[in-house]
Protein backbone atom coordinates (compact mmCIF):
# COMPACT_ATOMS: atom_id res chain seq x y z
CA UNK A 1 8.02 14.40 8.28
CA UNK A 2 6.65 16.82 5.21
CA UNK A 3 6.29 15.27 2.34
CA UNK A 4 8.76 17.59 0.65
CA UNK A 5 11.31 16.56 3.10
CA UNK A 6 10.90 12.97 1.54
CA UNK A 7 10.95 13.98 -1.93
CA UNK A 8 14.00 15.70 -2.03
CA UNK A 9 15.61 12.94 0.24
CA UNK A 10 13.55 10.27 -2.69
CA UNK A 11 15.94 12.79 -5.61
CA UNK A 12 19.35 12.71 -3.55
CA UNK A 13 18.95 8.59 -3.12
CA UNK A 14 17.81 7.97 -6.67
CA UNK A 15 20.40 9.78 -8.47
CA UNK A 16 23.43 8.27 -6.15
CA UNK A 17 22.01 5.38 -7.72
CA UNK A 18 21.14 3.69 -4.19
CA UNK A 19 17.72 2.57 -5.02
CA UNK A 20 15.09 3.91 -2.37
CA UNK A 21 11.97 2.03 -1.99
CA UNK A 22 9.19 2.12 0.52
CA UNK A 23 11.15 -0.04 3.10
CA UNK A 24 14.15 2.08 3.17
CA UNK A 25 11.16 5.15 3.28
CA UNK A 26 10.21 3.55 6.32
CA UNK A 27 13.66 3.37 8.01
CA UNK A 28 14.42 6.75 7.44
CA UNK A 29 11.35 8.77 8.07
CA UNK A 30 9.04 5.87 10.21
CA UNK A 31 6.51 6.14 7.70
CA UNK A 32 4.49 3.53 6.62
CA UNK A 33 3.95 1.65 2.88
CA UNK A 34 0.92 3.64 1.97
CA UNK A 35 2.62 6.58 2.39
CA UNK A 36 5.51 5.70 0.61
CA UNK A 37 3.81 4.24 -2.07
CA UNK A 38 2.24 7.55 -1.95
CA UNK A 39 4.94 9.44 -2.30
CA UNK A 40 6.11 8.07 -5.00
CA UNK A 41 3.07 8.44 -6.67
CA UNK A 42 3.53 12.16 -6.41
CA UNK A 43 6.97 12.01 -7.68
CA UNK A 44 5.13 10.18 -11.27
CA UNK A 45 2.25 12.09 -10.83
CA UNK A 46 2.09 15.55 -10.00
CA UNK A 47 6.18 16.20 -10.20
CA UNK A 48 5.98 14.12 -14.02
CA UNK A 49 9.34 12.31 -12.92
CA UNK A 50 10.43 9.32 -15.18
CA UNK A 51 10.54 6.98 -11.80
CA UNK A 52 10.47 3.69 -12.55
CA UNK A 53 10.58 0.42 -10.19
CA UNK A 54 13.98 -1.93 -11.45
CA UNK A 55 12.70 -5.42 -9.86
CA UNK A 56 16.12 -6.78 -9.68
CA UNK A 57 17.73 -4.29 -7.94
CA UNK A 58 13.88 -4.19 -5.47
CA UNK A 59 14.07 -0.15 -5.51
CA UNK A 60 13.22 3.01 -7.58
CA UNK A 61 15.24 4.52 -10.60
CA UNK A 62 14.88 7.21 -12.85
CA UNK A 63 14.38 6.45 -16.35
CA UNK A 64 15.83 9.78 -17.65
CA UNK A 65 18.86 11.53 -15.79
CA UNK A 66 18.31 14.52 -17.07
CA UNK A 67 15.39 14.87 -15.07
CA UNK A 68 15.24 17.82 -12.47
CA UNK A 69 12.90 18.60 -9.85
CA UNK A 70 10.90 21.87 -10.26
CA UNK A 71 12.58 24.42 -9.05
CA UNK A 72 11.08 25.96 -5.72
CA UNK A 73 10.88 29.07 -4.83
CA UNK A 74 10.39 30.15 -1.32
């Protein structure tokens, strides 16, 4: 599964306040925990997403609801 598809899936889940995490990525895409955290870091470090971990909800969320993924022109 391409990383781009996983990133957009993560963004949709975060916006829906579903608090996705490495386990839900594994269940949806069959990737390893290491790959899931690589996607998390890609969002945070390369796309500058204000993403954090909510320990109570055991998942990821945006600290700034106005964040949007960069526009992709194909």
